[in-house]
Amino acid sequence: MTTICCKCLKTKTDNGWTKTDSRDANILSHGYCPACYQETIKKIQNYRQQPSEHTSP
């Protein structure tokens, strides 16, 4: 099974995450590479910290 980052499309290898052609893989699994994971978590945290525009008075 080949794991591919759903954001930057890097492929997980034994040596880390690299930009390779994943079209040759028979079975793909999607996830996040460490860099994209951290970036996504920061966006989620920033979103949660914003005041909601739809709160009742």
N, C-alpha and C. Protein backbone atom coordinates (compact mmCIF):
# COMPACT_ATOMS: atom_id res chain seq x y z
N MET A 1 0.85 -1.17 0.00
CA MET A 1 0.00 0.00 0.00
C MET A 1 0.90 1.24 0.00
N THR A 2 0.55 2.20 -0.81
CA THR A 2 1.29 3.45 -0.91
C THR A 2 0.46 4.56 -0.28
N THR A 3 1.08 5.31 0.63
CA THR A 3 0.41 6.43 1.27
C THR A 3 0.81 7.71 0.56
N ILE A 4 -0.20 8.52 0.22
CA ILE A 4 0.03 9.77 -0.49
C ILE A 4 -0.62 10.91 0.29
N CYS A 5 0.07 12.05 0.35
CA CYS A 5 -0.48 13.22 1.04
C CYS A 5 -1.62 13.79 0.21
N CYS A 6 -2.76 14.00 0.82
CA CYS A 6 -3.93 14.48 0.10
C CYS A 6 -3.82 15.96 -0.26
N LYS A 7 -2.83 16.64 0.28
CA LYS A 7 -2.68 18.07 -0.02
C LYS A 7 -1.56 18.34 -1.03
N CYS A 8 -0.35 17.86 -0.75
CA CYS A 8 0.80 18.17 -1.62
C CYS A 8 1.16 17.02 -2.55
N LEU A 9 0.53 15.87 -2.36
CA LEU A 9 0.71 14.68 -3.20
C LEU A 9 2.08 14.02 -3.08
N LYS A 10 2.81 14.30 -1.99
CA LYS A 10 4.06 13.58 -1.74
C LYS A 10 3.72 12.15 -1.32
N THR A 11 4.64 11.25 -1.60
CA THR A 11 4.44 9.84 -1.30
C THR A 11 5.33 9.44 -0.13
N LYS A 12 4.77 8.65 0.79
CA LYS A 12 5.53 8.18 1.94
C LYS A 12 6.41 7.01 1.52
N THR A 13 7.71 7.14 1.81
CA THR A 13 8.67 6.08 1.51
C THR A 13 9.37 5.68 2.80
N ASP A 14 10.26 4.72 2.70
CA ASP A 14 11.04 4.31 3.87
C ASP A 14 11.96 5.43 4.36
N ASN A 15 12.30 6.36 3.47
CA ASN A 15 13.20 7.46 3.81
C ASN A 15 12.48 8.76 4.12
N GLY A 16 11.17 8.74 4.22
CA GLY A 16 10.40 9.95 4.50
C GLY A 16 9.38 10.21 3.41
N TRP A 17 9.02 11.46 3.22
CA TRP A 17 8.03 11.86 2.22
C TRP A 17 8.74 12.51 1.06
N THR A 18 8.49 12.02 -0.15
CA THR A 18 9.14 12.57 -1.34
C THR A 18 8.12 12.76 -2.45
N LYS A 19 8.44 13.65 -3.35
CA LYS A 19 7.58 13.91 -4.51
C LYS A 19 7.90 12.84 -5.56
N THR A 20 7.02 11.86 -5.69
CA THR A 20 7.20 10.80 -6.68
C THR A 20 5.90 10.58 -7.42
N ASP A 21 5.96 9.83 -8.48
CA ASP A 21 4.78 9.52 -9.27
C ASP A 21 4.06 8.33 -8.62
N SER A 22 2.86 8.56 -8.12
CA SER A 22 2.13 7.50 -7.41
C SER A 22 1.17 6.74 -8.33
N ARG A 23 1.18 7.04 -9.61
CA ARG A 23 0.25 6.36 -10.53
C ARG A 23 0.60 4.89 -10.71
N ASP A 24 1.82 4.51 -10.37
CA ASP A 24 2.24 3.11 -10.51
C ASP A 24 1.79 2.25 -9.34
N ALA A 25 1.29 2.85 -8.28
CA ALA A 25 0.89 2.11 -7.09
C ALA A 25 -0.42 1.38 -7.33
N ASN A 26 -0.50 0.16 -6.83
CA ASN A 26 -1.72 -0.63 -6.96
C ASN A 26 -2.80 -0.16 -5.98
N ILE A 27 -2.40 0.06 -4.74
CA ILE A 27 -3.35 0.47 -3.70
C ILE A 27 -2.84 1.77 -3.07
N LEU A 28 -3.71 2.79 -3.05
CA LEU A 28 -3.35 4.08 -2.46
C LEU A 28 -4.12 4.31 -1.17
N SER A 29 -3.46 4.92 -0.22
CA SER A 29 -4.08 5.37 1.01
C SER A 29 -3.73 6.85 1.14
N HIS A 30 -4.70 7.66 1.51
CA HIS A 30 -4.47 9.10 1.62
C HIS A 30 -4.34 9.52 3.07
N GLY A 31 -3.51 10.50 3.30
CA GLY A 31 -3.29 11.06 4.63
C GLY A 31 -2.63 12.41 4.45
N TYR A 32 -1.90 12.85 5.48
CA TYR A 32 -1.17 14.10 5.42
C TYR A 32 0.31 13.84 5.72
N CYS A 33 1.19 14.48 4.96
CA CYS A 33 2.60 14.45 5.32
C CYS A 33 2.75 15.35 6.56
N PRO A 34 3.84 15.24 7.30
CA PRO A 34 3.99 16.04 8.52
C PRO A 34 3.85 17.55 8.31
N ALA A 35 4.40 18.08 7.23
CA ALA A 35 4.33 19.53 6.98
C ALA A 35 2.89 19.97 6.71
N CYS A 36 2.19 19.23 5.88
CA CYS A 36 0.79 19.59 5.56
C CYS A 36 -0.12 19.37 6.76
N TYR A 37 0.18 18.37 7.56
CA TYR A 37 -0.59 18.13 8.78
C TYR A 37 -0.49 19.33 9.72
N GLN A 38 0.74 19.80 9.96
CA GLN A 38 0.93 20.95 10.84
C GLN A 38 0.24 22.20 10.31
N GLU A 39 0.33 22.42 9.01
CA GLU A 39 -0.32 23.58 8.39
C GLU A 39 -1.85 23.50 8.54
N THR A 40 -2.40 22.32 8.35
CA THR A 40 -3.84 22.13 8.46
C THR A 40 -4.31 22.31 9.90
N ILE A 41 -3.56 21.80 10.86
CA ILE A 41 -3.90 21.96 12.28
C ILE A 41 -3.91 23.44 12.65
N LYS A 42 -2.92 24.21 12.17
CA LYS A 42 -2.88 25.64 12.47
C LYS A 42 -4.11 26.35 11.90
N LYS A 43 -4.53 25.98 10.69
CA LYS A 43 -5.72 26.59 10.10
C LYS A 43 -6.96 26.26 10.91
N ILE A 44 -7.06 25.04 11.39
CA ILE A 44 -8.22 24.64 12.21
C ILE A 44 -8.22 25.43 13.51
N GLN A 45 -7.07 25.55 14.15
CA GLN A 45 -6.98 26.29 15.42
C GLN A 45 -7.33 27.76 15.21
N ASN A 46 -6.85 28.36 14.12
CA ASN A 46 -7.18 29.76 13.84
C ASN A 46 -8.67 29.93 13.58
N TYR A 47 -9.27 28.98 12.89
CA TYR A 47 -10.70 29.04 12.61
C TYR A 47 -11.50 28.96 13.91
N ARG A 48 -11.10 28.08 14.82
CA ARG A 48 -11.81 27.93 16.10
C ARG A 48 -11.68 29.16 16.98
N GLN A 49 -10.60 29.92 16.83
CA GLN A 49 -10.38 31.10 17.67
C GLN A 49 -11.13 32.33 17.18
N GLN A 50 -11.64 32.29 15.94
CA GLN A 50 -12.37 33.43 15.40
C GLN A 50 -13.75 33.50 16.05
N PRO A 51 -14.20 34.71 16.37
CA PRO A 51 -15.54 34.84 16.92
C PRO A 51 -16.60 34.42 15.88
N SER A 52 -17.59 33.75 16.35
CA SER A 52 -18.63 33.28 15.43
C SER A 52 -19.54 34.43 15.03
N GLU A 53 -19.90 34.49 13.76
CA GLU A 53 -20.78 35.53 13.25
C GLU A 53 -22.25 35.16 13.44
N HIS A 54 -22.51 33.91 13.82
CA HIS A 54 -23.89 33.42 13.89
C HIS A 54 -24.32 33.14 15.33
N THR A 55 -23.74 33.78 16.30
CA THR A 55 -24.14 33.54 17.68
C THR A 55 -25.36 34.39 18.02
N SER A 56 -26.17 33.89 18.90
CA SER A 56 -27.37 34.62 19.35
C SER A 56 -26.98 35.60 20.43
N PRO A 57 -27.65 36.76 20.51
CA PRO A 57 -27.35 37.75 21.55
C PRO A 57 -27.82 37.31 22.90
